[in-house]
C-alpha atoms as a PDB file:
ATOM      1  CA  MET A   1       6.558   5.878  15.013  1.00  0.00           C
ATOM      2  CA  ASN A   2       9.548   4.553  13.104  1.00  0.00           C
ATOM      3  CA  TYR A   3      10.495   5.733   9.624  1.00  0.00           C
ATOM      4  CA  ASN A   4      12.104   3.570   6.964  1.00  0.00           C
ATOM      5  CA  GLN A   5      13.956   4.376   3.780  1.00  0.00           C
ATOM      6  CA  LEU A   6      11.941   3.498   0.704  1.00  0.00           C
ATOM      7  CA  GLY A   7      14.198   1.413  -1.525  1.00  0.00           C
ATOM      8  CA  THR A   8      17.258   3.450  -2.411  1.00  0.00           C
ATOM      9  CA  SER A   9      15.300   6.713  -2.677  1.00  0.00           C
ATOM     10  CA  ASP A  10      15.558   9.700  -0.365  1.00  0.00           C
ATOM     11  CA  LEU A  11      12.054   9.060   0.971  1.00  0.00           C
ATOM     12  CA  ASN A  12      11.697   8.018   4.607  1.00  0.00           C
ATOM     13  CA  ILE A  13       8.194   6.755   5.211  1.00  0.00           C
ATOM     14  CA  SER A  14       6.304   6.035   8.413  1.00  0.00           C
ATOM     15  CA  GLU A  15       5.910   2.377   9.293  1.00  0.00           C
ATOM     16  CA  ILE A  16       2.155   2.957   9.330  1.00  0.00           C
ATOM     17  CA  SER A  17       0.771   4.562   6.181  1.00  0.00           C
ATOM     18  CA  PHE A  18      -2.644   6.051   5.575  1.00  0.00           C
ATOM     19  CA  GLY A  19      -4.619   4.195   2.897  1.00  0.00           C
ATOM     20  CA  CYS A  20      -6.898   6.844   1.425  1.00  0.00           C
ATOM     21  CA  MET A  21      -9.014   4.407  -0.591  1.00  0.00           C
ATOM     22  CA  SER A  22     -11.071   3.789   2.561  1.00  0.00           C
ATOM     23  CA  LEU A  23     -11.960   7.435   3.078  1.00  0.00           C
ATOM     24  CA  GLU A  24     -15.676   8.076   3.167  1.00  0.00           C
ATOM     25  CA  ILE A  25     -15.659  10.726   0.483  1.00  0.00           C
ATOM     26  CA  GLU A  26     -19.361  11.408   0.888  1.00  0.00           C
ATOM     27  CA  LYS A  27     -18.621  12.938   4.304  1.00  0.00           C
ATOM     28  CA  GLY A  28     -16.921  15.830   2.541  1.00  0.00           C
ATOM     29  CA  GLN A  29     -13.778  17.897   2.885  1.00  0.00           C
ATOM     30  CA  ASN A  30     -14.636  19.321   6.308  1.00  0.00           C
ATOM     31  CA  SER A  31     -14.712  15.815   7.763  1.00  0.00           C
ATOM     32  CA  ILE A  32     -11.728  14.327   5.949  1.00  0.00           C
ATOM     33  CA  SER A  33      -9.211  17.161   6.325  1.00  0.00           C
ATOM     34  CA  PRO A  34      -9.132  16.993  10.161  1.00  0.00           C
ATOM     35  CA  LEU A  35      -8.712  13.195   9.988  1.00  0.00           C
ATOM     36  CA  LEU A  36      -5.682  13.403   7.680  1.00  0.00           C
ATOM     37  CA  ARG A  37      -4.176  16.211   9.747  1.00  0.00           C
ATOM     38  CA  LYS A  38      -4.667  14.146  12.924  1.00  0.00           C
ATOM     39  CA  ALA A  39      -2.898  11.239  11.218  1.00  0.00           C
ATOM     40  CA  TYR A  40       0.062  13.486  10.462  1.00  0.00           C
ATOM     41  CA  GLU A  41       0.119  14.765  14.038  1.00  0.00           C
ATOM     42  CA  SER A  42       0.151  11.110  15.156  1.00  0.00           C
ATOM     43  CA  GLY A  43       3.336  10.436  13.191  1.00  0.00           C
ATOM     44  CA  ILE A  44       1.997   9.209   9.853  1.00  0.00           C
ATOM     45  CA  ASN A  45       3.764  10.972   6.987  1.00  0.00           C
ATOM     46  CA  PHE A  46       2.853   8.703   4.036  1.00  0.00           C
ATOM     47  CA  PHE A  47      -0.547   8.934   2.354  1.00  0.00           C
ATOM     48  CA  ASP A  48      -1.527   6.559  -0.458  1.00  0.00           C
ATOM     49  CA  THR A  49      -4.223   7.319  -3.033  1.00  0.00           C
ATOM     50  CA  ALA A  50      -4.864   6.609  -6.728  1.00  0.00           C
ATOM     51  CA  ASN A  51      -6.415   8.302  -9.723  1.00  0.00           C
ATOM     52  CA  LEU A  52      -8.859   5.374  -9.848  1.00  0.00           C
ATOM     53  CA  TYR A  53     -10.349   5.974  -6.405  1.00  0.00           C
ATOM     54  CA  ASP A  54     -13.692   7.773  -6.540  1.00  0.00           C
ATOM     55  CA  GLN A  55     -13.007   8.700 -10.179  1.00  0.00           C
ATOM     56  CA  GLY A  56     -10.302  11.151  -9.167  1.00  0.00           C
ATOM     57  CA  LEU A  57     -12.223  12.814  -6.357  1.00  0.00           C
ATOM     58  CA  ASN A  58     -10.114  10.972  -3.792  1.00  0.00           C
ATOM     59  CA  GLU A  59      -6.969  12.669  -5.084  1.00  0.00           C
ATOM     60  CA  GLU A  60      -8.712  16.050  -5.033  1.00  0.00           C
ATOM     61  CA  ILE A  61      -9.872  15.763  -1.431  1.00  0.00           C
ATOM     62  CA  VAL A  62      -6.549  14.343  -0.246  1.00  0.00           C
ATOM     63  CA  GLY A  63      -4.663  17.093  -2.065  1.00  0.00           C
ATOM     64  CA  THR A  64      -6.778  19.817  -0.475  1.00  0.00           C
ATOM     65  CA  ALA A  65      -6.425  18.291   2.980  1.00  0.00           C
ATOM     66  CA  LEU A  66      -2.655  17.943   2.786  1.00  0.00           C
ATOM     67  CA  LYS A  67      -1.824  21.160   0.933  1.00  0.00           C
ATOM     68  CA  PRO A  68      -1.079  23.182   4.119  1.00  0.00           C
ATOM     69  CA  ILE A  69       1.511  20.581   5.190  1.00  0.00           C
ATOM     70  CA  ARG A  70       2.685  19.473   1.738  1.00  0.00           C
ATOM     71  CA  ASP A  71       6.380  19.930   2.543  1.00  0.00           C
ATOM     72  CA  LYS A  72       6.073  17.774   5.656  1.00  0.00           C
ATOM     73  CA  ILE A  73       4.342  14.709   4.181  1.00  0.00           C
ATOM     74  CA  LEU A  74       4.741  12.209   1.354  1.00  0.00           C
ATOM     75  CA  ILE A  75       2.041  11.485  -1.223  1.00  0.00           C
ATOM     76  CA  ALA A  76       1.811   8.294  -3.246  1.00  0.00           C
ATOM     77  CA  THR A  77      -0.630   7.807  -6.080  1.00  0.00           C
ATOM     78  CA  LYS A  78      -1.136   5.349  -8.920  1.00  0.00           C
ATOM     79  CA  VAL A  79      -1.690   5.197 -12.670  1.00  0.00           C
ATOM     80  CA  GLY A  80      -2.766   2.698 -15.317  1.00  0.00           C
ATOM     81  CA  ASN A  81      -6.535   2.380 -14.919  1.00  0.00           C
ATOM     82  CA  VAL A  82      -8.913   4.578 -16.902  1.00  0.00           C
ATOM     83  CA  TRP A  83     -12.555   5.070 -16.056  1.00  0.00           C
ATOM     84  CA  ARG A  84     -14.991   4.506 -18.922  1.00  0.00           C
ATOM     85  CA  GLU A  85     -17.047   7.510 -19.939  1.00  0.00           C
ATOM     86  CA  ASP A  86     -20.255   5.956 -18.602  1.00  0.00           C
ATOM     87  CA  GLY A  87     -18.611   5.332 -15.213  1.00  0.00           C
ATOM     88  CA  ALA A  88     -19.560   1.659 -15.362  1.00  0.00           C
ATOM     89  CA  GLY A  89     -16.028   0.386 -14.887  1.00  0.00           C
ATOM     90  CA  TRP A  90     -12.485   0.949 -16.004  1.00  0.00           C
ATOM     91  CA  ASP A  91      -9.971  -0.297 -18.546  1.00  0.00           C
ATOM     92  CA  TRP A  92      -6.258  -0.998 -18.310  1.00  0.00           C
ATOM     93  CA  ASN A  93      -3.978   1.433 -20.148  1.00  0.00           C
ATOM     94  CA  PRO A  94      -0.271   1.035 -19.276  1.00  0.00           C
ATOM     95  CA  THR A  95       1.071   2.905 -22.312  1.00  0.00           C
ATOM     96  CA  LYS A  96       3.911   5.365 -22.038  1.00  0.00           C
ATOM     97  CA  GLU A  97       1.739   8.081 -23.547  1.00  0.00           C
ATOM     98  CA  HIS A  98      -0.988   7.587 -20.960  1.00  0.00           C
ATOM     99  CA  ILE A  99       1.426   7.636 -18.013  1.00  0.00           C
ATOM    100  CA  LEU A 100       3.103  10.834 -19.237  1.00  0.00           C
ATOM    101  CA  THR A 101      -0.271  12.512 -19.727  1.00  0.00           C
ATOM    102  CA  GLU A 102      -2.144  11.244 -16.676  1.00  0.00           C
ATOM    103  CA  VAL A 103       0.557  12.363 -14.247  1.00  0.00           C
ATOM    104  CA  ASN A 104      -0.381  15.947 -15.022  1.00  0.00           C
ATOM    105  CA  GLU A 105      -4.000  15.259 -14.091  1.00  0.00           C
ATOM    106  CA  SER A 106      -2.938  13.724 -10.781  1.00  0.00           C
ATOM    107  CA  LEU A 107      -0.671  16.682 -10.077  1.00  0.00           C
ATOM    108  CA  ARG A 108      -3.577  19.034 -10.749  1.00  0.00           C
ATOM    109  CA  ARG A 109      -6.009  17.122  -8.553  1.00  0.00           C
ATOM    110  CA  LEU A 110      -3.451  16.792  -5.754  1.00  0.00           C
ATOM    111  CA  GLN A 111      -2.549  20.500  -6.026  1.00  0.00           C
ATOM    112  CA  THR A 112       1.176  19.773  -6.010  1.00  0.00           C
ATOM    113  CA  ASP A 113       4.195  20.168  -8.275  1.00  0.00           C
ATOM    114  CA  TYR A 114       5.517  16.672  -7.635  1.00  0.00           C
ATOM    115  CA  ILE A 115       4.430  13.215  -6.540  1.00  0.00           C
ATOM    116  CA  ASP A 116       6.661  11.498  -4.007  1.00  0.00           C
ATOM    117  CA  LEU A 117       5.882   7.942  -5.133  1.00  0.00           C
ATOM    118  CA  TYR A 118       4.182   7.150  -8.451  1.00  0.00           C
ATOM    119  CA  GLN A 119       3.025   3.559  -8.811  1.00  0.00           C
ATOM    120  CA  LEU A 120       1.817   1.429 -11.684  1.00  0.00           C
ATOM    121  CA  HIS A 121      -1.602   0.300 -10.474  1.00  0.00           C
ATOM    122  CA  GLY A 122      -1.446  -3.360 -11.438  1.00  0.00           C
ATOM    123  CA  GLY A 123       0.190  -4.779 -14.528  1.00  0.00           C
ATOM    124  CA  THR A 124       0.576  -7.950 -16.549  1.00  0.00           C
ATOM    125  CA  ILE A 125       3.501  -9.801 -18.066  1.00  0.00           C
ATOM    126  CA  ASP A 126       2.198  -8.733 -21.508  1.00  0.00           C
ATOM    127  CA  ASP A 127       2.454  -5.001 -20.809  1.00  0.00           C
ATOM    128  CA  PRO A 128       5.042  -2.857 -22.661  1.00  0.00           C
ATOM    129  CA  ILE A 129       7.308  -2.980 -19.625  1.00  0.00           C
ATOM    130  CA  ASP A 130      10.302  -1.186 -21.149  1.00  0.00           C
ATOM    131  CA  ASP A 131       8.069   1.681 -22.296  1.00  0.00           C
ATOM    132  CA  ILE A 132       6.495   1.899 -18.842  1.00  0.00           C
ATOM    133  CA  ILE A 133       9.914   2.093 -17.216  1.00  0.00           C
ATOM    134  CA  GLU A 134      10.989   4.787 -19.702  1.00  0.00           C
ATOM    135  CA  ALA A 135       7.916   6.820 -18.801  1.00  0.00           C
ATOM    136  CA  PHE A 136       8.637   6.696 -15.080  1.00  0.00           C
ATOM    137  CA  GLU A 137      12.313   7.500 -15.595  1.00  0.00           C
ATOM    138  CA  GLN A 138      11.364  10.459 -17.772  1.00  0.00           C
ATOM    139  CA  LEU A 139       9.046  11.771 -15.075  1.00  0.00           C
ATOM    140  CA  LYS A 140      11.841  11.493 -12.512  1.00  0.00           C
ATOM    141  CA  LYS A 141      14.175  13.513 -14.724  1.00  0.00           C
ATOM    142  CA  GLN A 142      11.467  16.124 -15.170  1.00  0.00           C
ATOM    143  CA  GLY A 143      11.031  16.392 -11.401  1.00  0.00           C
ATOM    144  CA  LYS A 144       7.367  15.428 -11.536  1.00  0.00           C
ATOM    145  CA  ILE A 145       7.950  12.346  -9.377  1.00  0.00           C
ATOM    146  CA  ARG A 146      10.618  11.516  -6.815  1.00  0.00           C
ATOM    147  CA  ALA A 147      10.395   7.721  -6.944  1.00  0.00           C
ATOM    148  CA  TYR A 148       8.351   5.045  -8.648  1.00  0.00           C
ATOM    149  CA  GLY A 149       7.138   1.532  -7.995  1.00  0.00           C
ATOM    150  CA  ILE A 150       4.403  -0.949  -8.795  1.00  0.00           C
ATOM    151  CA  SER A 151       1.353  -2.278  -7.017  1.00  0.00           C
ATOM    152  CA  SER A 152       1.195  -5.974  -7.857  1.00  0.00           C
ATOM    153  CA  ILE A 153       0.554  -9.451  -6.480  1.00  0.00           C
ATOM    154  CA  ARG A 154       1.912 -11.224  -9.572  1.00  0.00           C
ATOM    155  CA  PRO A 155       5.337 -12.805  -8.981  1.00  0.00           C
ATOM    156  CA  ASN A 156       6.141 -12.956 -12.699  1.00  0.00           C
ATOM    157  CA  VAL A 157       5.475  -9.219 -13.072  1.00  0.00           C
ATOM    158  CA  ILE A 158       7.382  -8.343  -9.906  1.00  0.00           C
ATOM    159  CA  ARG A 159      10.440 -10.273 -11.109  1.00  0.00           C
ATOM    160  CA  GLU A 160      10.467  -8.368 -14.408  1.00  0.00           C
ATOM    161  CA  TYR A 161      10.445  -4.946 -12.786  1.00  0.00           C
ATOM    162  CA  ALA A 162      12.953  -6.012 -10.138  1.00  0.00           C
ATOM    163  CA  SER A 163      15.418  -7.059 -12.837  1.00  0.00           C
ATOM    164  CA  ARG A 164      14.735  -4.423 -15.496  1.00  0.00           C
ATOM    165  CA  SER A 165      13.997  -1.194 -13.627  1.00  0.00           C
ATOM    166  CA  ASP A 166      15.050   1.002 -10.720  1.00  0.00           C
ATOM    167  CA  ILE A 167      11.770   0.709  -8.832  1.00  0.00           C
ATOM    168  CA  ASP A 168      11.961   1.602  -5.167  1.00  0.00           C
ATOM    169  CA  SER A 169       8.832  -0.190  -4.013  1.00  0.00           C
ATOM    170  CA  VAL A 170       6.255  -2.894  -4.550  1.00  0.00           C
ATOM    171  CA  MET A 171       2.867  -2.602  -2.902  1.00  0.00           C
ATOM    172  CA  MET A 172       1.443  -6.046  -2.271  1.00  0.00           C
ATOM    173  CA  GLN A 173      -1.123  -7.837  -0.168  1.00  0.00           C
ATOM    174  CA  TYR A 174       0.503  -9.444   2.876  1.00  0.00           C
ATOM    175  CA  SER A 175      -0.798 -10.567   6.259  1.00  0.00           C
ATOM    176  CA  LEU A 176      -0.944 -13.477   8.664  1.00  0.00           C
ATOM    177  CA  LEU A 177      -3.717 -14.825   6.425  1.00  0.00           C
ATOM    178  CA  ASP A 178      -1.991 -14.004   3.143  1.00  0.00           C
ATOM    179  CA  ARG A 179       1.567 -15.244   3.292  1.00  0.00           C
ATOM    180  CA  ARG A 180       1.948 -15.798  -0.439  1.00  0.00           C
ATOM    181  CA  PRO A 181       4.716 -13.162  -0.719  1.00  0.00           C
ATOM    182  CA  GLU A 182       6.894 -15.222   1.635  1.00  0.00           C
ATOM    183  CA  GLU A 183       7.413 -17.953  -0.950  1.00  0.00           C
ATOM    184  CA  SER A 184       9.795 -15.906  -3.107  1.00  0.00           C
ATOM    185  CA  CYS A 185       8.862 -12.247  -3.536  1.00  0.00           C
ATOM    186  CA  LEU A 186       9.912 -10.855  -0.162  1.00  0.00           C
ATOM    187  CA  GLN A 187      13.393 -12.348  -0.272  1.00  0.00           C
ATOM    188  CA  LEU A 188      13.925 -11.244  -3.875  1.00  0.00           C
ATOM    189  CA  LEU A 189      12.898  -7.673  -3.128  1.00  0.00           C
ATOM    190  CA  ASP A 190      14.925  -7.504   0.076  1.00  0.00           C
ATOM    191  CA  GLU A 191      18.050  -8.685  -1.757  1.00  0.00           C
ATOM    192  CA  GLN A 192      17.585  -5.956  -4.365  1.00  0.00           C
ATOM    193  CA  ASN A 193      16.853  -3.161  -1.884  1.00  0.00           C
ATOM    194  CA  ILE A 194      13.302  -2.743  -3.128  1.00  0.00           C
ATOM    195  CA  SER A 195      10.886  -1.923  -0.316  1.00  0.00           C
ATOM    196  CA  VAL A 196       7.553  -3.613   0.208  1.00  0.00           C
ATOM    197  CA  ILE A 197       4.501  -1.592   1.176  1.00  0.00           C
ATOM    198  CA  THR A 198       1.842  -3.953   2.470  1.00  0.00           C
ATOM    199  CA  ARG A 199      -1.891  -3.699   1.983  1.00  0.00           C
ATOM    200  CA  GLY A 200      -4.575  -6.022   3.298  1.00  0.00           C
ATOM    201  CA  THR A 201      -2.597  -6.294   6.525  1.00  0.00           C
ATOM    202  CA  LEU A 202      -5.779  -6.810   8.564  1.00  0.00           C
ATOM    203  CA  ALA A 203      -7.229  -9.323   6.061  1.00  0.00           C
ATOM    204  CA  LYS A 204     -10.514  -7.534   5.386  1.00  0.00           C
ATOM    205  CA  GLY A 205     -10.845  -6.870   9.110  1.00  0.00           C
ATOM    206  CA  MET A 206     -10.804 -10.551  10.053  1.00  0.00           C
ATOM    207  CA  LEU A 207      -7.630 -10.017  12.077  1.00  0.00           C
ATOM    208  CA  ILE A 208      -9.360  -7.449  14.265  1.00  0.00           C
ATOM    209  CA  ASP A 209     -13.159  -7.646  14.456  1.00  0.00           C
ATOM    210  CA  LYS A 210     -14.807  -9.182  11.378  1.00  0.00           C
ATOM    211  CA  PRO A 211     -16.281 -12.742  11.463  1.00  0.00           C
ATOM    212  CA  ALA A 212     -14.164 -15.559  10.044  1.00  0.00           C
ATOM    213  CA  GLN A 213     -14.785 -16.746   6.500  1.00  0.00           C
ATOM    214  CA  GLU A 214     -12.909 -18.770   3.913  1.00  0.00           C
ATOM    215  CA  TYR A 215      -9.904 -16.770   2.764  1.00  0.00           C
ATOM    216  CA  LEU A 216      -7.266 -17.469   0.129  1.00  0.00           C
ATOM    217  CA  GLY A 217      -7.349 -21.233   0.563  1.00  0.00           C
ATOM    218  CA  TYR A 218      -7.846 -21.221   4.322  1.00  0.00           C
ATOM    219  CA  SER A 219     -11.059 -22.693   5.725  1.00  0.00           C
ATOM    220  CA  LYS A 220     -13.295 -20.798   8.103  1.00  0.00           C
ATOM    221  CA  ASN A 221     -11.977 -22.895  11.003  1.00  0.00           C
ATOM    222  CA  GLU A 222      -8.371 -22.210  10.046  1.00  0.00           C
ATOM    223  CA  VAL A 223      -9.084 -18.488  10.003  1.00  0.00           C
ATOM    224  CA  LYS A 224     -10.668 -18.824  13.448  1.00  0.00           C
ATOM    225  CA  LYS A 225      -7.499 -20.487  14.711  1.00  0.00           C
ATOM    226  CA  ILE A 226      -5.430 -17.450  13.707  1.00  0.00           C
ATOM    227  CA  GLN A 227      -8.060 -15.084  15.090  1.00  0.00           C
ATOM    228  CA  SER A 228      -7.878 -16.757  18.505  1.00  0.00           C
ATOM    229  CA  ALA A 229      -4.107 -16.591  18.532  1.00  0.00           C
ATOM    230  CA  VAL A 230      -3.836 -12.888  17.661  1.00  0.00           C
ATOM    231  CA  GLU A 231      -6.566 -12.068  20.168  1.00  0.00           C
ATOM    232  CA  ASN A 232      -4.341 -13.459  22.912  1.00  0.00           C
ATOM    233  CA  THR A 233      -1.329 -11.344  21.893  1.00  0.00           C
ATOM    234  CA  GLY A 234      -3.131  -8.187  20.814  1.00  0.00           C
ATOM    235  CA  LEU A 235      -5.102  -7.954  17.586  1.00  0.00           C
ATOM    236  CA  ILE A 236      -3.727  -4.768  16.049  1.00  0.00           C
ATOM    237  CA  ALA A 237      -0.198  -5.123  17.373  1.00  0.00           C
ATOM    238  CA  THR A 238       0.219  -8.722  16.258  1.00  0.00           C
ATOM    239  CA  SER A 239      -1.222  -8.201  12.791  1.00  0.00           C
ATOM    240  CA  ILE A 240       0.874  -5.135  12.053  1.00  0.00           C
ATOM    241  CA  GLN A 241       4.083  -6.264  13.724  1.00  0.00           C
ATOM    242  CA  TYR A 242       3.999  -9.554  11.830  1.00  0.00           C
ATOM    243  CA  VAL A 243       4.307  -7.859   8.432  1.00  0.00           C
ATOM    244  CA  LEU A 244       6.713  -5.192   9.681  1.00  0.00           C
ATOM    245  CA  SER A 245       8.991  -7.883  11.089  1.00  0.00           C
ATOM    246  CA  HIS A 246      10.120  -8.866   7.599  1.00  0.00           C
ATOM    247  CA  PRO A 247      13.185  -6.805   6.586  1.00  0.00           C
ATOM    248  CA  ALA A 248      11.754  -6.141   3.113  1.00  0.00           C
ATOM    249  CA  VAL A 249       8.704  -4.334   4.506  1.00  0.00           C
ATOM    250  CA  ALA A 250       8.973  -0.572   4.941  1.00  0.00           C
ATOM    251  CA  SER A 251       5.380   0.258   5.785  1.00  0.00           C
ATOM    252  CA  ALA A 252       1.895  -1.155   6.267  1.00  0.00           C
ATOM    253  CA  VAL A 253      -0.876   0.773   4.544  1.00  0.00           C
ATOM    254  CA  LEU A 254      -4.041   0.733   6.624  1.00  0.00           C
ATOM    255  CA  GLY A 255      -7.460   1.882   5.513  1.00  0.00           C
ATOM    256  CA  ILE A 256      -8.657   4.367   8.138  1.00  0.00           C
ATOM    257  CA  ARG A 257     -12.154   5.847   8.072  1.00  0.00           C
ATOM    258  CA  THR A 258     -12.583   7.528  11.444  1.00  0.00           C
ATOM    259  CA  GLU A 259     -10.601   9.252  14.154  1.00  0.00           C
ATOM    260  CA  ASP A 260     -11.551   6.470  16.565  1.00  0.00           C
ATOM    261  CA  GLN A 261      -9.966   3.894  14.234  1.00  0.00           C
ATOM    262  CA  LEU A 262      -6.870   6.061  13.888  1.00  0.00           C
ATOM    263  CA  ASN A 263      -6.536   6.430  17.652  1.00  0.00           C
ATOM    264  CA  GLU A 264      -6.995   2.698  18.207  1.00  0.00           C
ATOM    265  CA  ILE A 265      -4.236   1.864  15.723  1.00  0.00           C
ATOM    266  CA  ILE A 266      -1.781   4.441  17.039  1.00  0.00           C
ATOM    267  CA  GLN A 267      -2.383   3.484  20.652  1.00  0.00           C
ATOM    268  CA  ASN A 268      -2.089  -0.268  20.128  1.00  0.00           C
ATOM    269  CA  PHE A 269       0.247  -1.134  17.253  1.00  0.00           C
ATOM    270  CA  LYS A 270       3.368  -0.784  19.411  1.00  0.00           C
ATOM    271  CA  GLN A 271       2.049  -3.077  22.129  1.00  0.00           C
ATOM    272  CA  SER A 272       4.746  -5.615  22.992  1.00  0.00           C
ATOM    273  CA  VAL A 273       4.605  -8.825  20.954  1.00  0.00           C
ATOM    274  CA  THR A 274       7.629 -11.107  21.069  1.00  0.00           C
ATOM    275  CA  GLY A 275       9.292 -12.578  18.028  1.00  0.00           C
ATOM    276  CA  LYS A 276       8.635 -15.979  19.565  1.00  0.00           C
ATOM    277  CA  SER A 277       4.898 -15.274  19.676  1.00  0.00           C
ATOM    278  CA  LEU A 278       4.856 -14.146  16.058  1.00  0.00           C
ATOM    279  CA  LYS A 279       6.674 -17.322  15.040  1.00  0.00           C
ATOM    280  CA  GLU A 280       4.305 -19.540  17.017  1.00  0.00           C
ATOM    281  CA  ILE A 281       1.269 -17.906  15.411  1.00  0.00           C
ATOM    282  CA  SER A 282       2.697 -18.158  11.909  1.00  0.00           C
ATOM    283  CA  ASP A 283       3.415 -21.848  12.506  1.00  0.00           C
ATOM    284  CA  LEU A 284      -0.263 -22.583  13.171  1.00  0.00           C
ATOM    285  CA  LEU A 285      -1.036 -22.815   9.439  1.00  0.00           C
ATOM    286  CA  GLU A 286       0.900 -23.789   6.353  1.00  0.00           C
ATOM    287  CA  PRO A 287       1.709 -20.640   4.333  1.00  0.00           C
ATOM    288  CA  ASN A 288      -0.530 -20.206   1.307  1.00  0.00           C
ATOM    289  CA  THR A 289       1.107 -19.691  -2.098  1.00  0.00           C
ATOM    290  CA  TYR A 290       0.294 -17.969  -5.366  1.00  0.00           C
ATOM    291  CA  GLU A 291      -1.582 -20.188  -7.782  1.00  0.00           C
ATOM    292  CA  LYS A 292      -1.450 -17.894 -10.823  1.00  0.00           C
ATOM    293  CA  HIS A 293       1.115 -15.645 -12.528  1.00  0.00           C
ATOM    294  CA  ARG A 294       3.992 -17.510 -10.908  1.00  0.00           C
END
């Protein structure tokens, strides 16, 4: 496992991160704790959750599981979405007041005194961006967070934070079937020493074992063409190494539900795939581009 500096922070995160959104919470603490501990023992030191996931229960279970090794791992969580009282959905609240208040709830649920990476969970160009930045900077000064970033697939929002804040990271969807970040975002972030954390790296499982379907402008047959190519070079290795090959990318967040999935990823993601092979596969289709929020 390699470890990469996150932006200009003092955080060094594993190139494979554990996406806790996929945890099967209904299995309970006794099932999840061993899985997260096994991930750590396999070299993963970065665990990503959010206050939105499972109405906060995700943070609670992750916090309990990681508490015995808290000083050895890095926890990322997110803020900005608020569940409605009836549990029928959530609303967007990016206010400074909410961020400064909600961080304390995440700290409580995670059973920790600090959050390693605190991320705005979405965002629009109409948000009070300066107030949001002030909130994150205040939390850094207070020692409640070590670094902050955003989770966004909107180029116009990403540009604003890249130019107006000291974010260390942007979490964004990126894969062989979602190359929209390549148009402008990846180069911009790399030039400004802002790290990318990828999600959706396996394209809803279509890059490993799920049937092909239309995806982000690609036809079912075009998806099949990529599937055939990555099957020849190694499904997991090719999919993960493609995103990690870009200098802006620090880590790929993968949703892991079982120990078998964890073992398969750890055992296969380092399988040899040449740069030439990655280039040939990426050349099979024209890169898709963002249609909105450009």
